[in-house]
Amino acid sequence: MKFQDYYEVLGVARDASDEAIKKAYRKLALKWHPDRHKGDAQSKAEARFKRISEAYEVLSDAEKRGKYDRFGENWEHGQEFEPEPGQRTMSPEEFEAAFGKSAGFSDFFQEMFGGQFRQDFQGEPRRHARYRYRGADVRAELHLGLGEALAGGKRGFEIPARVSCPTCGGTGFLEQHVCPSCGGVGQVQKRQTVELKIPAQVRNGMKLRLKGLGEAGTSGSEPGDLHLVLLLDDDETYRMVGDDLEVRVSLAPWEAEGGAKVDVRTARGVATVTVPAGSRTGTRLRLRGQGLALAGRGKGGKVAHGDCFVRLEMDLPAQLNERQRALLRELGEAADRTPGGGGA
């Protein structure tokens, strides 16, 4: 069978980086894994997958790649050379006679081909050497309702992630063979649960780096990081108005008419708000510096905050006693019934 250049098999340049070779292999291994093909196409995929795995096994190993770059298709001759008919090999005794006893038969080849020769020549088992790669960073967005964000505490959520393959331990191989669980990639897809403590100075678009919560590294190397963007969404009580925060507060008609004090949760904690007597629906009360944290820093390097506006709305309590209902009916009977007015 015609020799196929390993670089061509993986579709990479001869000066490709280790990471480029790894990415090319992952893409091709997933595409040509035999389990993803059926019928007649499966045998073709198996042959292609075998060539891809062989190419990656050589090019992902610095020592083997160096030999391959020097000797091409004959790169393994120093390890498992069988002479063609009519040819003979030089014995250790003949080698010493030609090059001197001090040179050493096996040392000569070890120097030429590296430490792997000593293992193979002595009949020791060959081991598949793999590089260790730090896990990839993961980027994700987390949506939080404004009320939930202001309440603080912890929030659990799930993200898709690639973790180290439990079958092969992240190496991608089992006893010189490609791992059937991960297809030689060394990682498998799963849902990962992450628990986040909501920052005290939370703001829309805030970027957090959660160390070690990204994808698993290969062969037990360190995992990547999770880069999380917090996106705050309006809810029934809170909404964002530019850099400011607006909170909806419901009052009974008699509270609005006679004035009242209400507690309001803002981005800085709980504030007591004095509602002026005679307030109407739509009235906005301003609490300076009680809004969400702003990007950047304010004076003296402190975190700057927007304002919080309390928007008043009239509403009746969910339950009224008989006396309250009677007073409301009386109020309605005494109302001005001019056309287009507030009467019935």
C-alpha atoms as a PDB file:
ATOM      1  CA  MET A   1       0.000   0.000   0.000  1.00  0.00           C
ATOM      2  CA  LYS A   2       1.288   3.441  -0.897  1.00  0.00           C
ATOM      3  CA  PHE A   3       2.705   5.332   2.056  1.00  0.00           C
ATOM      4  CA  GLN A   4       0.524   8.248   3.137  1.00  0.00           C
ATOM      5  CA  ASP A   5       2.140  11.320   4.583  1.00  0.00           C
ATOM      6  CA  TYR A   6       0.946  11.796   8.157  1.00  0.00           C
ATOM      7  CA  TYR A   7       0.695  15.570   7.736  1.00  0.00           C
ATOM      8  CA  GLU A   8      -1.548  15.079   4.701  1.00  0.00           C
ATOM      9  CA  VAL A   9      -3.679  12.561   6.588  1.00  0.00           C
ATOM     10  CA  LEU A  10      -4.425  15.152   9.286  1.00  0.00           C
ATOM     11  CA  GLY A  11      -4.562  18.023   6.809  1.00  0.00           C
ATOM     12  CA  VAL A  12      -1.957  20.176   8.593  1.00  0.00           C
ATOM     13  CA  ALA A  13       1.233  21.916   7.536  1.00  0.00           C
ATOM     14  CA  ARG A  14       4.602  20.367   8.377  1.00  0.00           C
ATOM     15  CA  ASP A  15       5.336  23.212  10.786  1.00  0.00           C
ATOM     16  CA  ALA A  16       1.933  22.929  12.493  1.00  0.00           C
ATOM     17  CA  SER A  17       1.890  23.503  16.248  1.00  0.00           C
ATOM     18  CA  ASP A  18       1.009  20.773  18.731  1.00  0.00           C
ATOM     19  CA  GLU A  19      -2.351  22.442  19.359  1.00  0.00           C
ATOM     20  CA  ALA A  20      -3.144  22.615  15.625  1.00  0.00           C
ATOM     21  CA  ILE A  21      -2.372  18.908  15.253  1.00  0.00           C
ATOM     22  CA  LYS A  22      -4.550  18.101  18.242  1.00  0.00           C
ATOM     23  CA  LYS A  23      -7.485  20.127  16.899  1.00  0.00           C
ATOM     24  CA  ALA A  24      -7.198  18.549  13.451  1.00  0.00           C
ATOM     25  CA  TYR A  25      -7.163  15.072  14.962  1.00  0.00           C
ATOM     26  CA  ARG A  26     -10.196  15.729  17.158  1.00  0.00           C
ATOM     27  CA  LYS A  27     -12.198  16.987  14.201  1.00  0.00           C
ATOM     28  CA  LEU A  28     -11.293  14.053  11.959  1.00  0.00           C
ATOM     29  CA  ALA A  29     -11.667  11.439  14.725  1.00  0.00           C
ATOM     30  CA  LEU A  30     -15.199  12.584  15.428  1.00  0.00           C
ATOM     31  CA  LYS A  31     -16.063  12.638  11.734  1.00  0.00           C
ATOM     32  CA  TRP A  32     -14.642   9.189  10.851  1.00  0.00           C
ATOM     33  CA  HIS A  33     -15.323   7.244  14.023  1.00  0.00           C
ATOM     34  CA  PRO A  34     -16.763   3.868  12.849  1.00  0.00           C
ATOM     35  CA  ASP A  35     -19.707   4.098  15.244  1.00  0.00           C
ATOM     36  CA  ARG A  36     -20.970   7.100  13.277  1.00  0.00           C
ATOM     37  CA  HIS A  37     -21.184   5.153  10.016  1.00  0.00           C
ATOM     38  CA  LYS A  38     -23.418   2.281   8.967  1.00  0.00           C
ATOM     39  CA  GLY A  39     -23.384  -0.471   6.344  1.00  0.00           C
ATOM     40  CA  ASP A  40     -20.748  -0.379   3.629  1.00  0.00           C
ATOM     41  CA  ALA A  41     -19.525   3.019   4.760  1.00  0.00           C
ATOM     42  CA  GLN A  42     -18.403   1.616   8.116  1.00  0.00           C
ATOM     43  CA  SER A  43     -15.466  -0.395   6.721  1.00  0.00           C
ATOM     44  CA  LYS A  44     -14.252   2.678   4.846  1.00  0.00           C
ATOM     45  CA  ALA A  45     -14.559   4.738   8.008  1.00  0.00           C
ATOM     46  CA  GLU A  46     -12.629   2.135  10.011  1.00  0.00           C
ATOM     47  CA  ALA A  47      -9.716   2.245   7.562  1.00  0.00           C
ATOM     48  CA  ARG A  48      -9.732   6.045   7.535  1.00  0.00           C
ATOM     49  CA  PHE A  49      -9.975   6.219  11.315  1.00  0.00           C
ATOM     50  CA  LYS A  50      -7.022   3.847  11.666  1.00  0.00           C
ATOM     51  CA  ARG A  51      -4.846   6.062   9.435  1.00  0.00           C
ATOM     52  CA  ILE A  52      -5.904   9.163  11.346  1.00  0.00           C
ATOM     53  CA  SER A  53      -5.088   7.569  14.713  1.00  0.00           C
ATOM     54  CA  GLU A  54      -1.727   6.321  13.435  1.00  0.00           C
ATOM     55  CA  ALA A  55      -0.824   9.762  12.109  1.00  0.00           C
ATOM     56  CA  TYR A  56      -1.789  11.429  15.379  1.00  0.00           C
ATOM     57  CA  GLU A  57       0.096   8.881  17.468  1.00  0.00           C
ATOM     58  CA  VAL A  58       3.292   9.819  15.634  1.00  0.00           C
ATOM     59  CA  LEU A  59       2.831  13.577  15.236  1.00  0.00           C
ATOM     60  CA  SER A  60       1.610  14.123  18.815  1.00  0.00           C
ATOM     61  CA  ASP A  61       4.790  12.582  20.217  1.00  0.00           C
ATOM     62  CA  ALA A  62       7.772  14.941  19.997  1.00  0.00           C
ATOM     63  CA  GLU A  63      10.302  12.123  19.752  1.00  0.00           C
ATOM     64  CA  LYS A  64       8.437  10.168  17.085  1.00  0.00           C
ATOM     65  CA  ARG A  65       7.632  13.315  15.125  1.00  0.00           C
ATOM     66  CA  GLY A  66      11.321  14.252  15.094  1.00  0.00           C
ATOM     67  CA  LYS A  67      12.253  10.875  13.632  1.00  0.00           C
ATOM     68  CA  TYR A  68       9.430  11.074  11.107  1.00  0.00           C
ATOM     69  CA  ASP A  69      10.550  14.528   9.944  1.00  0.00           C
ATOM     70  CA  ARG A  70      14.104  13.198   9.448  1.00  0.00           C
ATOM     71  CA  PHE A  71      13.448   9.795   7.867  1.00  0.00           C
ATOM     72  CA  GLY A  72       9.926  10.019   6.426  1.00  0.00           C
ATOM     73  CA  GLU A  73       8.295   6.640   5.790  1.00  0.00           C
ATOM     74  CA  ASN A  74      11.446   4.893   7.068  1.00  0.00           C
ATOM     75  CA  TRP A  75      11.246   6.599  10.462  1.00  0.00           C
ATOM     76  CA  GLU A  76      10.751   3.294  12.343  1.00  0.00           C
ATOM     77  CA  HIS A  77      13.670   1.403  10.752  1.00  0.00           C
ATOM     78  CA  GLY A  78      15.886   1.994  13.746  1.00  0.00           C
ATOM     79  CA  GLN A  79      13.362   0.119  15.850  1.00  0.00           C
ATOM     80  CA  GLU A  80      11.864  -2.704  13.805  1.00  0.00           C
ATOM     81  CA  PHE A  81      13.992  -2.983  10.648  1.00  0.00           C
ATOM     82  CA  GLU A  82      13.691  -6.167   8.603  1.00  0.00           C
ATOM     83  CA  PRO A  83      16.164  -6.442   5.692  1.00  0.00           C
ATOM     84  CA  GLU A  84      14.944  -7.149   2.212  1.00  0.00           C
ATOM     85  CA  PRO A  85      15.756 -10.591   0.756  1.00  0.00           C
ATOM     86  CA  GLY A  86      19.446 -10.887  -0.039  1.00  0.00           C
ATOM     87  CA  GLN A  87      20.482  -8.267   2.510  1.00  0.00           C
ATOM     88  CA  ARG A  88      21.963  -8.826   5.959  1.00  0.00           C
ATOM     89  CA  THR A  89      22.261  -6.786   9.130  1.00  0.00           C
ATOM     90  CA  MET A  90      25.458  -5.977  11.032  1.00  0.00           C
ATOM     91  CA  SER A  91      25.918  -7.931  14.240  1.00  0.00           C
ATOM     92  CA  PRO A  92      27.070  -6.217  17.436  1.00  0.00           C
ATOM     93  CA  GLU A  93      30.495  -7.834  17.052  1.00  0.00           C
ATOM     94  CA  GLU A  94      30.853  -6.593  13.462  1.00  0.00           C
ATOM     95  CA  PHE A  95      29.703  -3.147  14.565  1.00  0.00           C
ATOM     96  CA  GLU A  96      32.375  -2.984  17.281  1.00  0.00           C
ATOM     97  CA  ALA A  97      35.033  -4.088  14.821  1.00  0.00           C
ATOM     98  CA  ALA A  98      34.029  -1.303  12.438  1.00  0.00           C
ATOM     99  CA  PHE A  99      33.364   1.539  14.870  1.00  0.00           C
ATOM    100  CA  GLY A 100      35.209   0.571  18.000  1.00  0.00           C
ATOM    101  CA  LYS A 101      34.092  -1.214  21.141  1.00  0.00           C
ATOM    102  CA  SER A 102      33.642   2.012  23.087  1.00  0.00           C
ATOM    103  CA  ALA A 103      30.904   3.170  20.733  1.00  0.00           C
ATOM    104  CA  GLY A 104      28.442   0.511  21.881  1.00  0.00           C
ATOM    105  CA  PHE A 105      25.998  -1.130  19.470  1.00  0.00           C
ATOM    106  CA  SER A 106      22.806  -0.150  21.270  1.00  0.00           C
ATOM    107  CA  ASP A 107      24.189   3.240  22.388  1.00  0.00           C
ATOM    108  CA  PHE A 108      24.814   4.187  18.762  1.00  0.00           C
ATOM    109  CA  PHE A 109      21.175   3.612  17.854  1.00  0.00           C
ATOM    110  CA  GLN A 110      19.953   5.156  21.058  1.00  0.00           C
ATOM    111  CA  GLU A 111      21.833   8.337  20.189  1.00  0.00           C
ATOM    112  CA  MET A 112      20.460   8.275  16.646  1.00  0.00           C
ATOM    113  CA  PHE A 113      16.886   7.290  17.386  1.00  0.00           C
ATOM    114  CA  GLY A 114      16.398   8.248  21.047  1.00  0.00           C
ATOM    115  CA  GLY A 115      15.621   6.362  24.240  1.00  0.00           C
ATOM    116  CA  GLN A 116      12.744   4.468  22.620  1.00  0.00           C
ATOM    117  CA  PHE A 117      15.286   2.208  20.863  1.00  0.00           C
ATOM    118  CA  ARG A 118      16.655   0.867  24.150  1.00  0.00           C
ATOM    119  CA  GLN A 119      13.176  -0.170  25.253  1.00  0.00           C
ATOM    120  CA  ASP A 120      12.300  -1.918  21.983  1.00  0.00           C
ATOM    121  CA  PHE A 121      15.715  -3.531  21.522  1.00  0.00           C
ATOM    122  CA  GLN A 122      15.596  -5.073  24.978  1.00  0.00           C
ATOM    123  CA  GLY A 123      12.108  -6.401  24.337  1.00  0.00           C
ATOM    124  CA  GLU A 124      10.342  -4.159  26.866  1.00  0.00           C
ATOM    125  CA  PRO A 125       6.730  -3.177  26.134  1.00  0.00           C
ATOM    126  CA  ARG A 126       6.220   0.083  24.226  1.00  0.00           C
ATOM    127  CA  ARG A 127       4.069   2.685  25.885  1.00  0.00           C
ATOM    128  CA  HIS A 128       1.968   5.274  24.217  1.00  0.00           C
ATOM    129  CA  ALA A 129       3.326   8.711  25.203  1.00  0.00           C
ATOM    130  CA  ARG A 130       0.794  11.544  25.289  1.00  0.00           C
ATOM    131  CA  TYR A 131       1.151  15.249  25.870  1.00  0.00           C
ATOM    132  CA  ARG A 132      -0.675  16.906  28.735  1.00  0.00           C
ATOM    133  CA  TYR A 133      -2.928  19.783  27.711  1.00  0.00           C
ATOM    134  CA  ARG A 134      -4.603  22.295  29.982  1.00  0.00           C
ATOM    135  CA  GLY A 135      -8.381  22.195  29.624  1.00  0.00           C
ATOM    136  CA  ALA A 136     -10.087  24.749  27.406  1.00  0.00           C
ATOM    137  CA  ASP A 137     -11.793  27.789  28.917  1.00  0.00           C
ATOM    138  CA  VAL A 138     -15.592  27.851  28.706  1.00  0.00           C
ATOM    139  CA  ARG A 139     -17.701  30.966  28.135  1.00  0.00           C
ATOM    140  CA  ALA A 140     -21.322  31.111  29.255  1.00  0.00           C
ATOM    141  CA  GLU A 141     -24.119  33.549  30.075  1.00  0.00           C
ATOM    142  CA  LEU A 142     -26.331  33.402  33.143  1.00  0.00           C
ATOM    143  CA  HIS A 143     -29.652  35.259  33.227  1.00  0.00           C
ATOM    144  CA  LEU A 144     -30.848  36.459  36.634  1.00  0.00           C
ATOM    145  CA  GLY A 145     -34.033  38.293  37.509  1.00  0.00           C
ATOM    146  CA  LEU A 146     -33.244  41.632  39.134  1.00  0.00           C
ATOM    147  CA  GLY A 147     -35.058  40.698  42.321  1.00  0.00           C
ATOM    148  CA  GLU A 148     -33.115  37.442  42.562  1.00  0.00           C
ATOM    149  CA  ALA A 149     -29.816  39.231  41.924  1.00  0.00           C
ATOM    150  CA  LEU A 150     -30.516  41.864  44.604  1.00  0.00           C
ATOM    151  CA  ALA A 151     -31.491  39.217  47.141  1.00  0.00           C
ATOM    152  CA  GLY A 152     -27.979  37.709  46.835  1.00  0.00           C
ATOM    153  CA  GLY A 153     -27.168  34.244  48.110  1.00  0.00           C
ATOM    154  CA  LYS A 154     -26.220  31.301  45.904  1.00  0.00           C
ATOM    155  CA  ARG A 155     -27.613  30.201  42.581  1.00  0.00           C
ATOM    156  CA  GLY A 156     -27.093  26.807  40.940  1.00  0.00           C
ATOM    157  CA  PHE A 157     -27.140  26.417  37.166  1.00  0.00           C
ATOM    158  CA  GLU A 158     -26.051  23.965  34.494  1.00  0.00           C
ATOM    159  CA  ILE A 159     -23.750  24.404  31.517  1.00  0.00           C
ATOM    160  CA  PRO A 160     -22.680  21.977  28.772  1.00  0.00           C
ATOM    161  CA  ALA A 161     -19.090  20.927  29.309  1.00  0.00           C
ATOM    162  CA  ARG A 162     -16.497  18.448  28.109  1.00  0.00           C
ATOM    163  CA  VAL A 163     -14.970  16.410  30.916  1.00  0.00           C
ATOM    164  CA  SER A 164     -12.177  13.862  31.069  1.00  0.00           C
ATOM    165  CA  CYS A 165     -13.289  10.511  29.673  1.00  0.00           C
ATOM    166  CA  PRO A 166     -13.885   8.112  32.601  1.00  0.00           C
ATOM    167  CA  THR A 167     -13.047   5.073  30.455  1.00  0.00           C
ATOM    168  CA  CYS A 168      -9.494   6.024  29.462  1.00  0.00           C
ATOM    169  CA  GLY A 169      -8.756   8.659  32.094  1.00  0.00           C
ATOM    170  CA  GLY A 170      -8.430  11.360  29.465  1.00  0.00           C
ATOM    171  CA  THR A 171      -5.610   9.740  27.486  1.00  0.00           C
ATOM    172  CA  GLY A 172      -7.812   8.778  24.506  1.00  0.00           C
ATOM    173  CA  PHE A 173      -6.223   5.321  24.279  1.00  0.00           C
ATOM    174  CA  LEU A 174      -6.575   1.931  25.956  1.00  0.00           C
ATOM    175  CA  GLU A 175      -3.549  -0.357  25.591  1.00  0.00           C
ATOM    176  CA  GLN A 176      -2.423   1.208  22.311  1.00  0.00           C
ATOM    177  CA  HIS A 177      -5.985   1.278  20.935  1.00  0.00           C
ATOM    178  CA  VAL A 178      -8.275   4.251  20.523  1.00  0.00           C
ATOM    179  CA  CYS A 179     -10.730   4.537  23.406  1.00  0.00           C
ATOM    180  CA  PRO A 180     -14.216   3.471  22.220  1.00  0.00           C
ATOM    181  CA  SER A 181     -15.990   5.842  24.623  1.00  0.00           C
ATOM    182  CA  CYS A 182     -14.425   9.124  23.490  1.00  0.00           C
ATOM    183  CA  GLY A 183     -13.109   8.159  20.038  1.00  0.00           C
ATOM    184  CA  GLY A 184      -9.552   9.065  21.021  1.00  0.00           C
ATOM    185  CA  VAL A 185     -10.449  12.642  21.958  1.00  0.00           C
ATOM    186  CA  GLY A 186      -9.955  12.029  25.675  1.00  0.00           C
ATOM    187  CA  GLN A 187     -13.111  13.904  26.673  1.00  0.00           C
ATOM    188  CA  VAL A 188     -16.868  13.348  26.674  1.00  0.00           C
ATOM    189  CA  GLN A 189     -19.825  15.745  26.713  1.00  0.00           C
ATOM    190  CA  LYS A 190     -22.009  16.143  29.803  1.00  0.00           C
ATOM    191  CA  ARG A 191     -24.019  18.696  31.791  1.00  0.00           C
ATOM    192  CA  GLN A 192     -22.051  20.322  34.572  1.00  0.00           C
ATOM    193  CA  THR A 193     -23.726  21.874  37.624  1.00  0.00           C
ATOM    194  CA  VAL A 194     -22.132  25.070  38.916  1.00  0.00           C
ATOM    195  CA  GLU A 195     -23.027  26.887  42.129  1.00  0.00           C
ATOM    196  CA  LEU A 196     -22.456  30.638  42.068  1.00  0.00           C
ATOM    197  CA  LYS A 197     -22.429  33.059  44.971  1.00  0.00           C
ATOM    198  CA  ILE A 198     -24.037  36.220  43.602  1.00  0.00           C
ATOM    199  CA  PRO A 199     -21.601  39.136  44.059  1.00  0.00           C
ATOM    200  CA  ALA A 200     -22.634  41.951  46.389  1.00  0.00           C
ATOM    201  CA  GLN A 201     -21.838  44.548  43.708  1.00  0.00           C
ATOM    202  CA  VAL A 202     -23.709  42.710  40.961  1.00  0.00           C
ATOM    203  CA  ARG A 203     -24.394  44.606  37.722  1.00  0.00           C
ATOM    204  CA  ASN A 204     -25.676  43.841  34.262  1.00  0.00           C
ATOM    205  CA  GLY A 205     -22.973  42.469  31.963  1.00  0.00           C
ATOM    206  CA  MET A 206     -20.656  41.670  34.861  1.00  0.00           C
ATOM    207  CA  LYS A 207     -17.918  39.185  33.864  1.00  0.00           C
ATOM    208  CA  LEU A 208     -16.748  36.585  36.348  1.00  0.00           C
ATOM    209  CA  ARG A 209     -13.872  34.145  36.027  1.00  0.00           C
ATOM    210  CA  LEU A 210     -14.490  30.896  37.891  1.00  0.00           C
ATOM    211  CA  LYS A 211     -11.146  29.120  38.076  1.00  0.00           C
ATOM    212  CA  GLY A 212     -11.053  25.410  37.334  1.00  0.00           C
ATOM    213  CA  LEU A 213     -14.686  25.149  36.202  1.00  0.00           C
ATOM    214  CA  GLY A 214     -13.934  24.931  32.479  1.00  0.00           C
ATOM    215  CA  GLU A 215     -13.211  21.796  30.454  1.00  0.00           C
ATOM    216  CA  ALA A 216     -11.072  19.065  31.954  1.00  0.00           C
ATOM    217  CA  GLY A 217      -7.450  18.800  30.867  1.00  0.00           C
ATOM    218  CA  THR A 218      -5.990  15.702  29.238  1.00  0.00           C
ATOM    219  CA  SER A 219      -4.132  13.063  31.214  1.00  0.00           C
ATOM    220  CA  GLY A 220      -5.007  14.707  34.513  1.00  0.00           C
ATOM    221  CA  SER A 221      -3.624  18.160  33.694  1.00  0.00           C
ATOM    222  CA  GLU A 222      -5.334  21.245  35.128  1.00  0.00           C
ATOM    223  CA  PRO A 223      -8.814  22.195  33.906  1.00  0.00           C
ATOM    224  CA  GLY A 224      -9.673  25.433  32.144  1.00  0.00           C
ATOM    225  CA  ASP A 225     -11.688  28.301  33.605  1.00  0.00           C
ATOM    226  CA  LEU A 226     -15.323  29.305  33.242  1.00  0.00           C
ATOM    227  CA  HIS A 227     -15.837  32.869  31.992  1.00  0.00           C
ATOM    228  CA  LEU A 228     -19.368  33.789  33.049  1.00  0.00           C
ATOM    229  CA  VAL A 229     -21.338  36.868  31.985  1.00  0.00           C
ATOM    230  CA  LEU A 230     -24.227  37.911  34.271  1.00  0.00           C
ATOM    231  CA  LEU A 231     -27.260  39.296  32.449  1.00  0.00           C
ATOM    232  CA  LEU A 232     -29.929  40.914  34.627  1.00  0.00           C
ATOM    233  CA  ASP A 233     -33.543  40.732  33.464  1.00  0.00           C
ATOM    234  CA  ASP A 234     -36.497  42.899  34.455  1.00  0.00           C
ATOM    235  CA  ASP A 235     -39.163  41.211  36.577  1.00  0.00           C
ATOM    236  CA  GLU A 236     -42.536  42.147  38.055  1.00  0.00           C
ATOM    237  CA  THR A 237     -40.988  44.378  40.706  1.00  0.00           C
ATOM    238  CA  TYR A 238     -37.707  45.681  39.294  1.00  0.00           C
ATOM    239  CA  ARG A 239     -36.550  47.034  35.961  1.00  0.00           C
ATOM    240  CA  MET A 240     -33.475  48.809  34.631  1.00  0.00           C
ATOM    241  CA  VAL A 241     -33.784  52.310  33.238  1.00  0.00           C
ATOM    242  CA  GLY A 242     -30.403  53.157  31.732  1.00  0.00           C
ATOM    243  CA  ASP A 243     -27.894  53.078  34.590  1.00  0.00           C
ATOM    244  CA  ASP A 244     -30.644  53.411  37.180  1.00  0.00           C
ATOM    245  CA  LEU A 245     -32.878  50.921  38.940  1.00  0.00           C
ATOM    246  CA  GLU A 246     -36.645  51.275  39.250  1.00  0.00           C
ATOM    247  CA  VAL A 247     -38.670  49.371  41.822  1.00  0.00           C
ATOM    248  CA  ARG A 248     -42.475  49.123  41.806  1.00  0.00           C
ATOM    249  CA  VAL A 249     -44.169  49.640  45.196  1.00  0.00           C
ATOM    250  CA  SER A 250     -47.892  49.041  45.662  1.00  0.00           C
ATOM    251  CA  LEU A 251     -49.851  51.177  48.157  1.00  0.00           C
ATOM    252  CA  ALA A 252     -53.402  51.016  49.413  1.00  0.00           C
ATOM    253  CA  PRO A 253     -55.362  54.182  48.551  1.00  0.00           C
ATOM    254  CA  TRP A 254     -55.464  55.289  52.159  1.00  0.00           C
ATOM    255  CA  GLU A 255     -51.659  54.902  52.475  1.00  0.00           C
ATOM    256  CA  ALA A 256     -51.122  57.100  49.441  1.00  0.00           C
ATOM    257  CA  GLU A 257     -53.623  59.670  50.670  1.00  0.00           C
ATOM    258  CA  GLY A 258     -52.435  59.909  54.250  1.00  0.00           C
ATOM    259  CA  GLY A 259     -48.733  59.183  53.706  1.00  0.00           C
ATOM    260  CA  ALA A 260     -46.818  56.130  54.841  1.00  0.00           C
ATOM    261  CA  LYS A 261     -43.384  54.589  55.369  1.00  0.00           C
ATOM    262  CA  VAL A 262     -42.440  51.503  53.359  1.00  0.00           C
ATOM    263  CA  ASP A 263     -39.332  49.335  53.266  1.00  0.00           C
ATOM    264  CA  VAL A 264     -37.767  48.826  49.838  1.00  0.00           C
ATOM    265  CA  ARG A 265     -34.940  46.478  48.859  1.00  0.00           C
ATOM    266  CA  THR A 266     -32.389  48.326  46.742  1.00  0.00           C
ATOM    267  CA  ALA A 267     -29.008  47.334  45.357  1.00  0.00           C
ATOM    268  CA  ARG A 268     -27.393  48.670  48.550  1.00  0.00           C
ATOM    269  CA  GLY A 269     -29.687  46.926  51.045  1.00  0.00           C
ATOM    270  CA  VAL A 270     -33.096  47.721  52.540  1.00  0.00           C
ATOM    271  CA  ALA A 271     -34.095  51.405  52.600  1.00  0.00           C
ATOM    272  CA  THR A 272     -37.073  52.977  54.400  1.00  0.00           C
ATOM    273  CA  VAL A 273     -38.976  55.309  52.066  1.00  0.00           C
ATOM    274  CA  THR A 274     -41.318  58.070  53.260  1.00  0.00           C
ATOM    275  CA  VAL A 275     -44.334  58.329  50.961  1.00  0.00           C
ATOM    276  CA  PRO A 276     -45.684  61.902  50.946  1.00  0.00           C
ATOM    277  CA  ALA A 277     -49.383  62.336  51.726  1.00  0.00           C
ATOM    278  CA  GLY A 278     -51.525  62.737  48.633  1.00  0.00           C
ATOM    279  CA  SER A 279     -49.243  60.670  46.383  1.00  0.00           C
ATOM    280  CA  ARG A 280     -50.739  59.320  43.188  1.00  0.00           C
ATOM    281  CA  THR A 281     -50.032  56.370  40.885  1.00  0.00           C
ATOM    282  CA  GLY A 282     -46.926  57.007  38.809  1.00  0.00           C
ATOM    283  CA  THR A 283     -45.190  59.175  41.414  1.00  0.00           C
ATOM    284  CA  ARG A 284     -41.417  58.449  41.433  1.00  0.00           C
ATOM    285  CA  LEU A 285     -39.277  58.938  44.511  1.00  0.00           C
ATOM    286  CA  ARG A 286     -35.508  59.114  44.021  1.00  0.00           C
ATOM    287  CA  LEU A 287     -32.974  57.343  46.221  1.00  0.00           C
ATOM    288  CA  ARG A 288     -29.524  58.598  45.237  1.00  0.00           C
ATOM    289  CA  GLY A 289     -26.735  56.034  44.970  1.00  0.00           C
ATOM    290  CA  GLN A 290     -29.028  53.116  45.795  1.00  0.00           C
ATOM    291  CA  GLY A 291     -29.049  51.640  42.278  1.00  0.00           C
ATOM    292  CA  LEU A 292     -26.923  48.977  40.622  1.00  0.00           C
ATOM    293  CA  ALA A 293     -23.136  49.106  40.629  1.00  0.00           C
ATOM    294  CA  LEU A 294     -21.637  50.839  37.611  1.00  0.00           C
ATOM    295  CA  ALA A 295     -18.672  49.636  35.577  1.00  0.00           C
ATOM    296  CA  GLY A 296     -15.447  51.352  36.552  1.00  0.00           C
ATOM    297  CA  ARG A 297     -14.713  53.192  39.767  1.00  0.00           C
ATOM    298  CA  GLY A 298     -15.978  56.389  41.321  1.00  0.00           C
ATOM    299  CA  LYS A 299     -14.158  58.927  43.469  1.00  0.00           C
ATOM    300  CA  GLY A 300     -11.467  57.496  45.695  1.00  0.00           C
ATOM    301  CA  GLY A 301     -11.540  54.194  43.844  1.00  0.00           C
ATOM    302  CA  LYS A 302     -14.881  53.199  45.350  1.00  0.00           C
ATOM    303  CA  VAL A 303     -17.578  51.393  43.409  1.00  0.00           C
ATOM    304  CA  ALA A 304     -20.022  53.872  41.881  1.00  0.00           C
ATOM    305  CA  HIS A 305     -23.768  53.226  41.898  1.00  0.00           C
ATOM    306  CA  GLY A 306     -26.665  54.543  39.901  1.00  0.00           C
ATOM    307  CA  ASP A 307     -29.866  55.796  41.514  1.00  0.00           C
ATOM    308  CA  CYS A 308     -32.932  53.866  42.561  1.00  0.00           C
ATOM    309  CA  PHE A 309     -36.382  55.237  41.713  1.00  0.00           C
ATOM    310  CA  VAL A 310     -39.397  54.068  43.697  1.00  0.00           C
ATOM    311  CA  ARG A 311     -42.488  54.085  41.464  1.00  0.00           C
ATOM    312  CA  LEU A 312     -45.771  54.235  43.398  1.00  0.00           C
ATOM    313  CA  GLU A 313     -48.835  52.337  42.249  1.00  0.00           C
ATOM    314  CA  MET A 314     -52.276  52.195  43.865  1.00  0.00           C
ATOM    315  CA  ASP A 315     -53.659  48.768  44.652  1.00  0.00           C
ATOM    316  CA  LEU A 316     -56.093  47.230  47.071  1.00  0.00           C
ATOM    317  CA  PRO A 317     -54.983  44.625  49.594  1.00  0.00           C
ATOM    318  CA  ALA A 318     -55.693  41.041  48.576  1.00  0.00           C
ATOM    319  CA  GLN A 319     -58.181  40.697  51.465  1.00  0.00           C
ATOM    320  CA  LEU A 320     -60.601  43.349  52.743  1.00  0.00           C
ATOM    321  CA  ASN A 321     -62.833  43.116  55.772  1.00  0.00           C
ATOM    322  CA  GLU A 322     -66.493  44.033  55.620  1.00  0.00           C
ATOM    323  CA  ARG A 323     -65.945  47.532  57.058  1.00  0.00           C
ATOM    324  CA  GLN A 324     -63.327  48.338  54.376  1.00  0.00           C
ATOM    325  CA  ARG A 325     -65.615  47.111  51.579  1.00  0.00           C
ATOM    326  CA  ALA A 326     -68.476  49.242  52.939  1.00  0.00           C
ATOM    327  CA  LEU A 327     -66.275  52.344  53.021  1.00  0.00           C
ATOM    328  CA  LEU A 328     -65.171  51.749  49.438  1.00  0.00           C
ATOM    329  CA  ARG A 329     -68.792  51.457  48.311  1.00  0.00           C
ATOM    330  CA  GLU A 330     -69.564  54.680  50.145  1.00  0.00           C
ATOM    331  CA  LEU A 331     -66.577  56.347  48.503  1.00  0.00           C
ATOM    332  CA  GLY A 332     -67.828  55.243  45.113  1.00  0.00           C
ATOM    333  CA  GLU A 333     -71.318  56.605  45.752  1.00  0.00           C
ATOM    334  CA  ALA A 334     -69.879  59.970  46.715  1.00  0.00           C
ATOM    335  CA  ALA A 335     -67.585  60.163  43.678  1.00  0.00           C
ATOM    336  CA  ASP A 336     -68.141  62.767  40.956  1.00  0.00           C
ATOM    337  CA  ARG A 337     -69.888  60.957  38.082  1.00  0.00           C
ATOM    338  CA  THR A 338     -69.004  63.394  35.347  1.00  0.00           C
ATOM    339  CA  PRO A 339     -68.541  61.820  31.865  1.00  0.00           C
ATOM    340  CA  GLY A 340     -64.973  60.566  31.444  1.00  0.00           C
ATOM    341  CA  GLY A 341     -64.270  61.052  35.145  1.00  0.00           C
ATOM    342  CA  GLY A 342     -63.265  58.555  37.755  1.00  0.00           C
ATOM    343  CA  GLY A 343     -66.843  57.673  38.740  1.00  0.00           C
ATOM    344  CA  ALA A 344     -68.714  54.555  37.757  1.00  0.00           C
END
